[in-house]
């Protein structure tokens, strides 16, 4: 099963936009799974925050390192539509290029690359 890192906007100054970003990212990740790939979905990180006990702490750097560990092992990266201007997404694309990981902007192109219909 090919590993697909799904990248896109997450943060925003507007909580509604954050929720929309989560919805869009998790929805595309679901489509990736339905297509037969193993998606990594950074939008599910919020689960870790909800599970922290008093005195436990995860920093934004912890999340970046965690995501990076998955990103560099991905077989491909799929970008959520309209996320190209996200600073985080741009960083992930740059890292993908450094590791020669192909970057796609549609599930259709990803499927073509892996010869799936």
PDB file of N, CA and C in Angstrom:
ATOM      1  N   UNK A   1       0.861  -1.173   0.000  1.00  0.00           N
ATOM      2  CA  UNK A   1       0.000   0.000   0.000  1.00  0.00           C
ATOM      3  C   UNK A   1       0.907   1.237   0.000  1.00  0.00           C
ATOM      4  N   UNK A   2       0.688   2.115  -0.948  1.00  0.00           N
ATOM      5  CA  UNK A   2       1.493   3.327  -1.058  1.00  0.00           C
ATOM      6  C   UNK A   2       1.090   4.333   0.022  1.00  0.00           C
ATOM      7  N   UNK A   3       2.101   4.985   0.605  1.00  0.00           N
ATOM      8  CA  UNK A   3       1.880   5.992   1.652  1.00  0.00           C
ATOM      9  C   UNK A   3       1.757   7.371   0.998  1.00  0.00           C
ATOM     10  N   UNK A   4       0.661   8.051   1.291  1.00  0.00           N
ATOM     11  CA  UNK A   4       0.416   9.375   0.717  1.00  0.00           C
ATOM     12  C   UNK A   4       0.262  10.378   1.851  1.00  0.00           C
ATOM     13  N   UNK A   5       1.155  11.340   1.874  1.00  0.00           N
ATOM     14  CA  UNK A   5       1.086  12.429   2.844  1.00  0.00           C
ATOM     15  C   UNK A   5       0.165  13.485   2.259  1.00  0.00           C
ATOM     16  N   UNK A   6      -0.908  13.795   2.958  1.00  0.00           N
ATOM     17  CA  UNK A   6      -1.860  14.801   2.484  1.00  0.00           C
ATOM     18  C   UNK A   6      -1.485  16.125   3.151  1.00  0.00           C
ATOM     19  N   UNK A   7      -1.193  17.116   2.332  1.00  0.00           N
ATOM     20  CA  UNK A   7      -0.728  18.413   2.832  1.00  0.00           C
ATOM     21  C   UNK A   7      -1.706  19.511   2.438  1.00  0.00           C
ATOM     22  N   UNK A   8      -1.838  20.487   3.329  1.00  0.00           N
ATOM     23  CA  UNK A   8      -2.703  21.612   3.022  1.00  0.00           C
ATOM     24  C   UNK A   8      -2.805  22.563   4.194  1.00  0.00           C
ATOM     25  N   UNK A   9      -3.595  23.587   4.013  1.00  0.00           N
ATOM     26  CA  UNK A   9      -3.774  24.598   5.055  1.00  0.00           C
ATOM     27  C   UNK A   9      -4.370  23.980   6.312  1.00  0.00           C
ATOM     28  N   UNK A  10      -3.918  24.468   7.449  1.00  0.00           N
ATOM     29  CA  UNK A  10      -4.457  24.031   8.733  1.00  0.00           C
ATOM     30  C   UNK A  10      -4.827  25.263   9.549  1.00  0.00           C
ATOM     31  N   UNK A  11      -3.852  26.052   9.894  1.00  0.00           N
ATOM     32  CA  UNK A  11      -4.083  27.182  10.798  1.00  0.00           C
ATOM     33  C   UNK A  11      -4.688  28.383  10.074  1.00  0.00           C
ATOM     34  N   UNK A  12      -5.227  29.285  10.881  1.00  0.00           N
ATOM     35  CA  UNK A  12      -5.836  30.510  10.390  1.00  0.00           C
ATOM     36  C   UNK A  12      -6.080  31.414  11.591  1.00  0.00           C
ATOM     37  N   UNK A  13      -6.360  32.672  11.340  1.00  0.00           N
ATOM     38  CA  UNK A  13      -6.743  33.584  12.421  1.00  0.00           C
ATOM     39  C   UNK A  13      -8.221  33.461  12.751  1.00  0.00           C
ATOM     40  N   UNK A  14      -8.944  32.701  11.963  1.00  0.00           N
ATOM     41  CA  UNK A  14     -10.385  32.555  12.093  1.00  0.00           C
ATOM     42  C   UNK A  14     -10.717  31.103  12.428  1.00  0.00           C
ATOM     43  N   UNK A  15     -11.378  30.859  13.538  1.00  0.00           N
ATOM     44  CA  UNK A  15     -11.667  29.491  13.968  1.00  0.00           C
ATOM     45  C   UNK A  15     -12.544  28.757  12.960  1.00  0.00           C
ATOM     46  N   UNK A  16     -13.454  29.451  12.307  1.00  0.00           N
ATOM     47  CA  UNK A  16     -14.290  28.795  11.301  1.00  0.00           C
ATOM     48  C   UNK A  16     -13.431  28.318  10.133  1.00  0.00           C
ATOM     49  N   UNK A  17     -12.446  29.131   9.745  1.00  0.00           N
ATOM     50  CA  UNK A  17     -11.555  28.720   8.663  1.00  0.00           C
ATOM     51  C   UNK A  17     -10.710  27.521   9.084  1.00  0.00           C
ATOM     52  N   UNK A  18     -10.279  27.477  10.325  1.00  0.00           N
ATOM     53  CA  UNK A  18      -9.530  26.313  10.823  1.00  0.00           C
ATOM     54  C   UNK A  18     -10.389  25.064  10.704  1.00  0.00           C
ATOM     55  N   UNK A  19     -11.636  25.153  11.134  1.00  0.00           N
ATOM     56  CA  UNK A  19     -12.545  24.005  11.044  1.00  0.00           C
ATOM     57  C   UNK A  19     -12.780  23.598   9.587  1.00  0.00           C
ATOM     58  N   UNK A  20     -12.917  24.582   8.708  1.00  0.00           N
ATOM     59  CA  UNK A  20     -13.063  24.278   7.278  1.00  0.00           C
ATOM     60  C   UNK A  20     -11.812  23.592   6.744  1.00  0.00           C
ATOM     61  N   UNK A  21     -10.633  24.059   7.163  1.00  0.00           N
ATOM     62  CA  UNK A  21      -9.379  23.434   6.734  1.00  0.00           C
ATOM     63  C   UNK A  21      -9.300  21.985   7.204  1.00  0.00           C
ATOM     64  N   UNK A  22      -9.719  21.753   8.451  1.00  0.00           N
ATOM     65  CA  UNK A  22      -9.721  20.383   8.983  1.00  0.00           C
ATOM     66  C   UNK A  22     -10.663  19.512   8.162  1.00  0.00           C
ATOM     67  N   UNK A  23     -11.860  20.017   7.899  1.00  0.00           N
ATOM     68  CA  UNK A  23     -12.842  19.260   7.124  1.00  0.00           C
ATOM     69  C   UNK A  23     -12.293  18.911   5.742  1.00  0.00           C
ATOM     70  N   UNK A  24     -11.729  19.888   5.058  1.00  0.00           N
ATOM     71  CA  UNK A  24     -11.208  19.652   3.710  1.00  0.00           C
ATOM     72  C   UNK A  24     -10.041  18.666   3.720  1.00  0.00           C
ATOM     73  N   UNK A  25      -9.149  18.809   4.702  1.00  0.00           N
ATOM     74  CA  UNK A  25      -8.002  17.900   4.787  1.00  0.00           C
ATOM     75  C   UNK A  25      -8.399  16.479   5.123  1.00  0.00           C
ATOM     76  N   UNK A  26      -9.300  16.323   6.078  1.00  0.00           N
ATOM     77  CA  UNK A  26      -9.735  14.974   6.464  1.00  0.00           C
ATOM     78  C   UNK A  26     -10.560  14.355   5.340  1.00  0.00           C
ATOM     79  N   UNK A  27     -11.366  15.169   4.648  1.00  0.00           N
ATOM     80  CA  UNK A  27     -12.162  14.633   3.530  1.00  0.00           C
ATOM     81  C   UNK A  27     -11.254  14.112   2.427  1.00  0.00           C
ATOM     82  N   UNK A  28     -10.229  14.883   2.040  1.00  0.00           N
ATOM     83  CA  UNK A  28      -9.319  14.406   1.006  1.00  0.00           C
ATOM     84  C   UNK A  28      -8.557  13.175   1.488  1.00  0.00           C
ATOM     85  N   UNK A  29      -8.173  13.158   2.746  1.00  0.00           N
ATOM     86  CA  UNK A  29      -7.492  11.983   3.306  1.00  0.00           C
ATOM     87  C   UNK A  29      -8.391  10.754   3.224  1.00  0.00           C
ATOM     88  N   UNK A  30      -9.678  10.935   3.465  1.00  0.00           N
ATOM     89  CA  UNK A  30     -10.639   9.835   3.361  1.00  0.00           C
ATOM     90  C   UNK A  30     -10.721   9.334   1.919  1.00  0.00           C
ATOM     91  N   UNK A  31     -10.729  10.269   0.967  1.00  0.00           N
ATOM     92  CA  UNK A  31     -10.756   9.877  -0.438  1.00  0.00           C
ATOM     93  C   UNK A  31      -9.496   9.100  -0.808  1.00  0.00           C
ATOM     94  N   UNK A  32      -8.370   9.500  -0.249  1.00  0.00           N
ATOM     95  CA  UNK A  32      -7.106   8.795  -0.483  1.00  0.00           C
ATOM     96  C   UNK A  32      -7.195   7.363   0.042  1.00  0.00           C
ATOM     97  N   UNK A  33      -7.746   7.202   1.217  1.00  0.00           N
ATOM     98  CA  UNK A  33      -7.912   5.862   1.787  1.00  0.00           C
ATOM     99  C   UNK A  33      -8.881   5.030   0.942  1.00  0.00           C
ATOM    100  N   UNK A  34      -9.976   5.632   0.523  1.00  0.00           N
ATOM    101  CA  UNK A  34     -10.940   4.923  -0.324  1.00  0.00           C
ATOM    102  C   UNK A  34     -10.332   4.507  -1.656  1.00  0.00           C
ATOM    103  N   UNK A  35      -9.329   5.255  -2.122  1.00  0.00           N
ATOM    104  CA  UNK A  35      -8.656   4.936  -3.382  1.00  0.00           C
ATOM    105  C   UNK A  35      -7.615   3.830  -3.225  1.00  0.00           C
ATOM    106  N   UNK A  36      -7.412   3.378  -1.988  1.00  0.00           N
ATOM    107  CA  UNK A  36      -6.501   2.255  -1.776  1.00  0.00           C
ATOM    108  C   UNK A  36      -5.107   2.616  -1.308  1.00  0.00           C
ATOM    109  N   UNK A  37      -4.928   3.844  -0.849  1.00  0.00           N
ATOM    110  CA  UNK A  37      -3.638   4.286  -0.330  1.00  0.00           C
ATOM    111  C   UNK A  37      -3.693   4.391   1.187  1.00  0.00           C
ATOM    112  N   UNK A  38      -2.522   4.538   1.795  1.00  0.00           N
ATOM    113  CA  UNK A  38      -2.419   4.748   3.245  1.00  0.00           C
ATOM    114  C   UNK A  38      -2.126   6.227   3.478  1.00  0.00           C
ATOM    115  N   UNK A  39      -3.148   7.031   3.810  1.00  0.00           N
ATOM    116  CA  UNK A  39      -2.918   8.465   3.974  1.00  0.00           C
ATOM    117  C   UNK A  39      -2.365   8.833   5.343  1.00  0.00           C
ATOM    118  N   UNK A  40      -1.524   9.872   5.362  1.00  0.00           N
ATOM    119  CA  UNK A  40      -1.163  10.537   6.608  1.00  0.00           C
ATOM    120  C   UNK A  40      -1.907  11.853   6.591  1.00  0.00           C
ATOM    121  N   UNK A  41      -2.715  12.098   7.619  1.00  0.00           N
ATOM    122  CA  UNK A  41      -3.592  13.269   7.671  1.00  0.00           C
ATOM    123  C   UNK A  41      -3.252  14.130   8.881  1.00  0.00           C
ATOM    124  N   UNK A  42      -2.462  15.203   8.698  1.00  0.00           N
ATOM    125  CA  UNK A  42      -2.074  16.050   9.826  1.00  0.00           C
ATOM    126  C   UNK A  42      -3.251  16.678  10.576  1.00  0.00           C
ATOM    127  N   UNK A  43      -4.397  16.768   9.930  1.00  0.00           N
ATOM    128  CA  UNK A  43      -5.564  17.386  10.578  1.00  0.00           C
ATOM    129  C   UNK A  43      -6.105  16.543  11.721  1.00  0.00           C
ATOM    130  N   UNK A  44      -5.674  15.307  11.811  1.00  0.00           N
ATOM    131  CA  UNK A  44      -6.121  14.451  12.918  1.00  0.00           C
ATOM    132  C   UNK A  44      -5.249  14.626  14.161  1.00  0.00           C
ATOM    133  N   UNK A  45      -4.238  15.488  14.073  1.00  0.00           N
ATOM    134  CA  UNK A  45      -3.361  15.750  15.220  1.00  0.00           C
ATOM    135  C   UNK A  45      -4.113  16.276  16.429  1.00  0.00           C
ATOM    136  N   UNK A  46      -5.238  16.920  16.193  1.00  0.00           N
ATOM    137  CA  UNK A  46      -5.977  17.480  17.327  1.00  0.00           C
ATOM    138  C   UNK A  46      -6.345  16.408  18.349  1.00  0.00           C
ATOM    139  N   UNK A  47      -6.434  15.167  17.913  1.00  0.00           N
ATOM    140  CA  UNK A  47      -6.738  14.079  18.848  1.00  0.00           C
ATOM    141  C   UNK A  47      -5.686  13.986  19.955  1.00  0.00           C
ATOM    142  N   UNK A  48      -4.439  14.202  19.590  1.00  0.00           N
ATOM    143  CA  UNK A  48      -3.379  14.145  20.593  1.00  0.00           C
ATOM    144  C   UNK A  48      -3.581  15.221  21.654  1.00  0.00           C
ATOM    145  N   UNK A  49      -3.929  16.422  21.223  1.00  0.00           N
ATOM    146  CA  UNK A  49      -4.165  17.516  22.180  1.00  0.00           C
ATOM    147  C   UNK A  49      -5.309  17.177  23.129  1.00  0.00           C
ATOM    148  N   UNK A  50      -6.349  16.547  22.606  1.00  0.00           N
ATOM    149  CA  UNK A  50      -7.507  16.200  23.439  1.00  0.00           C
ATOM    150  C   UNK A  50      -7.175  15.120  24.469  1.00  0.00           C
ATOM    151  N   UNK A  51      -6.159  14.327  24.208  1.00  0.00           N
ATOM    152  CA  UNK A  51      -5.817  13.215  25.087  1.00  0.00           C
ATOM    153  C   UNK A  51      -4.758  13.549  26.133  1.00  0.00           C
ATOM    154  N   UNK A  52      -4.212  14.759  26.095  1.00  0.00           N
ATOM    155  CA  UNK A  52      -3.186  15.138  27.070  1.00  0.00           C
ATOM    156  C   UNK A  52      -3.773  15.200  28.483  1.00  0.00           C
ATOM    157  N   UNK A  53      -3.003  14.706  29.422  1.00  0.00           N
ATOM    158  CA  UNK A  53      -3.389  14.767  30.834  1.00  0.00           C
ATOM    159  C   UNK A  53      -2.763  16.008  31.459  1.00  0.00           C
ATOM    160  N   UNK A  54      -3.244  16.404  32.623  1.00  0.00           N
ATOM    161  CA  UNK A  54      -2.638  17.551  33.313  1.00  0.00           C
ATOM    162  C   UNK A  54      -1.124  17.352  33.457  1.00  0.00           C
ATOM    163  N   UNK A  55      -0.380  18.377  33.097  1.00  0.00           N
ATOM    164  CA  UNK A  55       1.081  18.325  33.189  1.00  0.00           C
ATOM    165  C   UNK A  55       1.758  17.855  31.912  1.00  0.00           C
ATOM    166  N   UNK A  56       1.008  17.223  31.016  1.00  0.00           N
ATOM    167  CA  UNK A  56       1.585  16.796  29.749  1.00  0.00           C
ATOM    168  C   UNK A  56       1.472  17.939  28.744  1.00  0.00           C
ATOM    169  N   UNK A  57       2.440  18.001  27.840  1.00  0.00           N
ATOM    170  CA  UNK A  57       2.445  19.098  26.877  1.00  0.00           C
ATOM    171  C   UNK A  57       3.081  18.638  25.578  1.00  0.00           C
ATOM    172  N   UNK A  58       2.471  19.020  24.484  1.00  0.00           N
ATOM    173  CA  UNK A  58       3.059  18.859  23.160  1.00  0.00           C
ATOM    174  C   UNK A  58       3.179  20.249  22.558  1.00  0.00           C
ATOM    175  N   UNK A  59       4.313  20.526  21.968  1.00  0.00           N
ATOM    176  CA  UNK A  59       4.531  21.840  21.363  1.00  0.00           C
ATOM    177  C   UNK A  59       4.291  21.753  19.863  1.00  0.00           C
ATOM    178  N   UNK A  60       4.191  22.894  19.235  1.00  0.00           N
ATOM    179  CA  UNK A  60       4.049  22.928  17.783  1.00  0.00           C
ATOM    180  C   UNK A  60       5.259  22.269  17.131  1.00  0.00           C
ATOM    181  N   UNK A  61       6.425  22.403  17.737  1.00  0.00           N
ATOM    182  CA  UNK A  61       7.632  21.761  17.217  1.00  0.00           C
ATOM    183  C   UNK A  61       7.510  20.237  17.282  1.00  0.00           C
ATOM    184  N   UNK A  62       6.884  19.719  18.344  1.00  0.00           N
ATOM    185  CA  UNK A  62       6.653  18.268  18.434  1.00  0.00           C
ATOM    186  C   UNK A  62       5.813  17.797  17.255  1.00  0.00           C
ATOM    187  N   UNK A  63       4.785  18.563  16.927  1.00  0.00           N
ATOM    188  CA  UNK A  63       3.919  18.196  15.801  1.00  0.00           C
ATOM    189  C   UNK A  63       4.657  18.297  14.475  1.00  0.00           C
ATOM    190  N   UNK A  64       5.478  19.318  14.308  1.00  0.00           N
ATOM    191  CA  UNK A  64       6.246  19.452  13.071  1.00  0.00           C
ATOM    192  C   UNK A  64       7.197  18.256  12.897  1.00  0.00           C
ATOM    193  N   UNK A  65       7.899  17.901  13.960  1.00  0.00           N
ATOM    194  CA  UNK A  65       8.838  16.773  13.889  1.00  0.00           C
ATOM    195  C   UNK A  65       8.106  15.465  13.596  1.00  0.00           C
ATOM    196  N   UNK A  66       6.966  15.286  14.231  1.00  0.00           N
ATOM    197  CA  UNK A  66       6.146  14.088  14.028  1.00  0.00           C
ATOM    198  C   UNK A  66       5.698  13.992  12.565  1.00  0.00           C
ATOM    199  N   UNK A  67       5.178  15.096  12.031  1.00  0.00           N
ATOM    200  CA  UNK A  67       4.740  15.107  10.636  1.00  0.00           C
ATOM    201  C   UNK A  67       5.904  14.875   9.684  1.00  0.00           C
ATOM    202  N   UNK A  68       7.035  15.507   9.959  1.00  0.00           N
ATOM    203  CA  UNK A  68       8.208  15.357   9.111  1.00  0.00           C
ATOM    204  C   UNK A  68       8.672  13.897   9.058  1.00  0.00           C
ATOM    205  N   UNK A  69       8.603  13.209  10.186  1.00  0.00           N
ATOM    206  CA  UNK A  69       9.004  11.797  10.212  1.00  0.00           C
ATOM    207  C   UNK A  69       8.164  10.968   9.235  1.00  0.00           C
ATOM    208  N   UNK A  70       6.897  11.323   9.091  1.00  0.00           N
ATOM    209  CA  UNK A  70       6.018  10.634   8.137  1.00  0.00           C
ATOM    210  C   UNK A  70       6.240  11.149   6.720  1.00  0.00           C
ATOM    211  N   UNK A  71       6.395  12.429   6.588  1.00  0.00           N
ATOM    212  CA  UNK A  71       6.556  13.034   5.268  1.00  0.00           C
ATOM    213  C   UNK A  71       7.730  12.432   4.513  1.00  0.00           C
ATOM    214  N   UNK A  72       8.868  12.298   5.168  1.00  0.00           N
ATOM    215  CA  UNK A  72      10.067  11.826   4.464  1.00  0.00           C
ATOM    216  C   UNK A  72       9.990  10.341   4.102  1.00  0.00           C
ATOM    217  N   UNK A  73       9.000   9.639   4.619  1.00  0.00           N
ATOM    218  CA  UNK A  73       8.797   8.226   4.280  1.00  0.00           C
ATOM    219  C   UNK A  73       7.660   8.026   3.283  1.00  0.00           C
ATOM    220  N   UNK A  74       7.009   9.117   2.893  1.00  0.00           N
ATOM    221  CA  UNK A  74       5.869   9.025   1.984  1.00  0.00           C
ATOM    222  C   UNK A  74       6.306   8.626   0.577  1.00  0.00           C
ATOM    223  N   UNK A  75       5.413   7.937  -0.119  1.00  0.00           N
ATOM    224  CA  UNK A  75       5.642   7.609  -1.525  1.00  0.00           C
ATOM    225  C   UNK A  75       5.204   8.759  -2.423  1.00  0.00           C
ATOM    226  N   UNK A  76       4.345   9.614  -1.888  1.00  0.00           N
ATOM    227  CA  UNK A  76       3.860  10.772  -2.640  1.00  0.00           C
ATOM    228  C   UNK A  76       3.216  11.752  -1.673  1.00  0.00           C
ATOM    229  N   UNK A  77       3.066  12.985  -2.152  1.00  0.00           N
ATOM    230  CA  UNK A  77       2.350  14.006  -1.389  1.00  0.00           C
ATOM    231  C   UNK A  77       1.197  14.490  -2.254  1.00  0.00           C
ATOM    232  N   UNK A  78       0.043  14.633  -1.627  1.00  0.00           N
ATOM    233  CA  UNK A  78      -1.135  15.154  -2.307  1.00  0.00           C
ATOM    234  C   UNK A  78      -1.534  16.448  -1.617  1.00  0.00           C
ATOM    235  N   UNK A  79      -1.685  17.504  -2.399  1.00  0.00           N
ATOM    236  CA  UNK A  79      -1.991  18.827  -1.864  1.00  0.00           C
ATOM    237  C   UNK A  79      -3.497  19.078  -1.912  1.00  0.00           C
ATOM    238  N   UNK A  80      -4.039  19.531  -0.794  1.00  0.00           N
ATOM    239  CA  UNK A  80      -5.446  19.918  -0.739  1.00  0.00           C
ATOM    240  C   UNK A  80      -5.631  21.135  -1.653  1.00  0.00           C
ATOM    241  N   UNK A  81      -6.678  21.144  -2.485  1.00  0.00           N
ATOM    242  CA  UNK A  81      -6.904  22.298  -3.365  1.00  0.00           C
ATOM    243  C   UNK A  81      -6.915  23.624  -2.597  1.00  0.00           C
ATOM    244  N   UNK A  82      -6.381  24.633  -3.243  1.00  0.00           N
ATOM    245  CA  UNK A  82      -6.332  26.001  -2.711  1.00  0.00           C
ATOM    246  C   UNK A  82      -5.449  26.144  -1.471  1.00  0.00           C
ATOM    247  N   UNK A  83      -4.476  25.264  -1.315  1.00  0.00           N
ATOM    248  CA  UNK A  83      -3.565  25.334  -0.171  1.00  0.00           C
ATOM    249  C   UNK A  83      -2.167  25.776  -0.557  1.00  0.00           C
ATOM    250  N   UNK A  84      -1.966  26.093  -1.810  1.00  0.00           N
ATOM    251  CA  UNK A  84      -0.618  26.426  -2.283  1.00  0.00           C
ATOM    252  C   UNK A  84      -0.005  27.624  -1.577  1.00  0.00           C
ATOM    253  N   UNK A  85      -0.815  28.542  -1.073  1.00  0.00           N
ATOM    254  CA  UNK A  85      -0.284  29.734  -0.412  1.00  0.00           C
ATOM    255  C   UNK A  85       0.022  29.512   1.064  1.00  0.00           C
ATOM    256  N   UNK A  86      -0.303  28.360   1.590  1.00  0.00           N
ATOM    257  CA  UNK A  86      -0.020  28.045   2.991  1.00  0.00           C
ATOM    258  C   UNK A  86       1.489  27.903   3.193  1.00  0.00           C
ATOM    259  N   UNK A  87       2.015  28.611   4.176  1.00  0.00           N
ATOM    260  CA  UNK A  87       3.450  28.541   4.471  1.00  0.00           C
ATOM    261  C   UNK A  87       3.853  27.109   4.826  1.00  0.00           C
ATOM    262  N   UNK A  88       3.055  26.454   5.653  1.00  0.00           N
ATOM    263  CA  UNK A  88       3.351  25.079   6.038  1.00  0.00           C
ATOM    264  C   UNK A  88       3.352  24.146   4.844  1.00  0.00           C
ATOM    265  N   UNK A  89       2.374  24.315   3.957  1.00  0.00           N
ATOM    266  CA  UNK A  89       2.304  23.477   2.763  1.00  0.00           C
ATOM    267  C   UNK A  89       3.511  23.724   1.866  1.00  0.00           C
ATOM    268  N   UNK A  90       3.907  24.974   1.716  1.00  0.00           N
ATOM    269  CA  UNK A  90       5.087  25.287   0.917  1.00  0.00           C
ATOM    270  C   UNK A  90       6.330  24.614   1.490  1.00  0.00           C
ATOM    271  N   UNK A  91       6.464  24.610   2.809  1.00  0.00           N
ATOM    272  CA  UNK A  91       7.593  23.934   3.455  1.00  0.00           C
ATOM    273  C   UNK A  91       7.549  22.430   3.194  1.00  0.00           C
ATOM    274  N   UNK A  92       6.356  21.847   3.261  1.00  0.00           N
ATOM    275  CA  UNK A  92       6.229  20.401   3.014  1.00  0.00           C
ATOM    276  C   UNK A  92       6.574  20.067   1.566  1.00  0.00           C
ATOM    277  N   UNK A  93       6.154  20.911   0.629  1.00  0.00           N
ATOM    278  CA  UNK A  93       6.488  20.694  -0.777  1.00  0.00           C
ATOM    279  C   UNK A  93       8.000  20.791  -0.981  1.00  0.00           C
ATOM    280  N   UNK A  94       8.619  21.758  -0.350  1.00  0.00           N
ATOM    281  CA  UNK A  94      10.071  21.922  -0.453  1.00  0.00           C
ATOM    282  C   UNK A  94      10.805  20.686   0.084  1.00  0.00           C
ATOM    283  N   UNK A  95      10.361  20.190   1.217  1.00  0.00           N
ATOM    284  CA  UNK A  95      10.972  18.983   1.796  1.00  0.00           C
ATOM    285  C   UNK A  95      10.754  17.794   0.874  1.00  0.00           C
ATOM    286  N   UNK A  96       9.558  17.691   0.313  1.00  0.00           N
ATOM    287  CA  UNK A  96       9.286  16.592  -0.622  1.00  0.00           C
ATOM    288  C   UNK A  96      10.268  16.623  -1.790  1.00  0.00           C
ATOM    289  N   UNK A  97      10.506  17.799  -2.327  1.00  0.00           N
ATOM    290  CA  UNK A  97      11.457  17.918  -3.437  1.00  0.00           C
ATOM    291  C   UNK A  97      12.860  17.498  -3.002  1.00  0.00           C
ATOM    292  N   UNK A  98      13.262  17.875  -1.789  1.00  0.00           N
ATOM    293  CA  UNK A  98      14.579  17.490  -1.271  1.00  0.00           C
ATOM    294  C   UNK A  98      14.724  15.976  -1.188  1.00  0.00           C
ATOM    295  N   UNK A  99      13.625  15.276  -0.905  1.00  0.00           N
ATOM    296  CA  UNK A  99      13.649  13.822  -0.751  1.00  0.00           C
ATOM    297  C   UNK A  99      13.165  13.100  -2.017  1.00  0.00           C
ATOM    298  N   UNK A 100      13.017  13.847  -3.101  1.00  0.00           N
ATOM    299  CA  UNK A 100      12.562  13.282  -4.376  1.00  0.00           C
ATOM    300  C   UNK A 100      11.218  12.563  -4.256  1.00  0.00           C
ATOM    301  N   UNK A 101      10.331  13.139  -3.473  1.00  0.00           N
ATOM    302  CA  UNK A 101       8.986  12.600  -3.300  1.00  0.00           C
ATOM    303  C   UNK A 101       8.073  13.365  -4.254  1.00  0.00           C
ATOM    304  N   UNK A 102       7.360  12.656  -5.128  1.00  0.00           N
ATOM    305  CA  UNK A 102       6.494  13.358  -6.077  1.00  0.00           C
ATOM    306  C   UNK A 102       5.336  14.067  -5.380  1.00  0.00           C
ATOM    307  N   UNK A 103       5.000  15.242  -5.908  1.00  0.00           N
ATOM    308  CA  UNK A 103       3.938  16.084  -5.351  1.00  0.00           C
ATOM    309  C   UNK A 103       2.814  16.168  -6.378  1.00  0.00           C
ATOM    310  N   UNK A 104       1.584  15.945  -5.910  1.00  0.00           N
ATOM    311  CA  UNK A 104       0.420  15.978  -6.791  1.00  0.00           C
ATOM    312  C   UNK A 104      -0.611  16.964  -6.263  1.00  0.00           C
ATOM    313  N   UNK A 105      -1.375  17.536  -7.207  1.00  0.00           N
ATOM    314  CA  UNK A 105      -2.411  18.492  -6.847  1.00  0.00           C
ATOM    315  C   UNK A 105      -3.808  17.942  -7.107  1.00  0.00           C
ATOM    316  N   UNK A 106      -3.878  16.668  -7.468  1.00  0.00           N
ATOM    317  CA  UNK A 106      -5.182  16.023  -7.617  1.00  0.00           C
ATOM    318  C   UNK A 106      -5.027  14.524  -7.411  1.00  0.00           C
ATOM    319  N   UNK A 107      -6.084  13.917  -6.909  1.00  0.00           N
ATOM    320  CA  UNK A 107      -6.096  12.467  -6.712  1.00  0.00           C
ATOM    321  C   UNK A 107      -6.011  11.766  -8.068  1.00  0.00           C
ATOM    322  N   UNK A 108      -6.602  12.369  -9.080  1.00  0.00           N
ATOM    323  CA  UNK A 108      -6.553  11.798 -10.423  1.00  0.00           C
ATOM    324  C   UNK A 108      -5.107  11.671 -10.904  1.00  0.00           C
ATOM    325  N   UNK A 109      -4.314  12.731 -10.737  1.00  0.00           N
ATOM    326  CA  UNK A 109      -2.900  12.696 -11.159  1.00  0.00           C
ATOM    327  C   UNK A 109      -2.105  11.696 -10.321  1.00  0.00           C
ATOM    328  N   UNK A 110      -2.418  11.620  -9.032  1.00  0.00           N
ATOM    329  CA  UNK A 110      -1.764  10.635  -8.161  1.00  0.00           C
ATOM    330  C   UNK A 110      -2.069   9.227  -8.659  1.00  0.00           C
ATOM    331  N   UNK A 111      -3.333   8.966  -8.980  1.00  0.00           N
ATOM    332  CA  UNK A 111      -3.720   7.654  -9.504  1.00  0.00           C
ATOM    333  C   UNK A 111      -3.014   7.339 -10.812  1.00  0.00           C
ATOM    334  N   UNK A 112      -2.917   8.321 -11.691  1.00  0.00           N
ATOM    335  CA  UNK A 112      -2.215   8.114 -12.959  1.00  0.00           C
ATOM    336  C   UNK A 112      -0.763   7.724 -12.707  1.00  0.00           C
ATOM    337  N   UNK A 113      -0.134   8.410 -11.770  1.00  0.00           N
ATOM    338  CA  UNK A 113       1.268   8.136 -11.455  1.00  0.00           C
ATOM    339  C   UNK A 113       1.461   6.705 -10.966  1.00  0.00           C
ATOM    340  N   UNK A 114       0.543   6.252 -10.129  1.00  0.00           N
ATOM    341  CA  UNK A 114       0.644   4.884  -9.596  1.00  0.00           C
ATOM    342  C   UNK A 114      -0.139   3.882 -10.442  1.00  0.00           C
ATOM    343  N   UNK A 115      -0.589   4.320 -11.620  1.00  0.00           N
ATOM    344  CA  UNK A 115      -1.285   3.463 -12.584  1.00  0.00           C
ATOM    345  C   UNK A 115      -2.543   2.825 -12.005  1.00  0.00           C
ATOM    346  N   UNK A 116      -3.318   3.645 -11.308  1.00  0.00           N
ATOM    347  CA  UNK A 116      -4.588   3.148 -10.768  1.00  0.00           C
ATOM    348  C   UNK A 116      -5.724   3.852 -11.493  1.00  0.00           C
ATOM    349  N   UNK A 117      -6.831   3.181 -11.533  1.00  0.00           N
ATOM    350  CA  UNK A 117      -8.007   3.807 -12.166  1.00  0.00           C
ATOM    351  C   UNK A 117      -9.095   4.047 -11.167  1.00  0.00           C
TER     352      UNK A 117
END
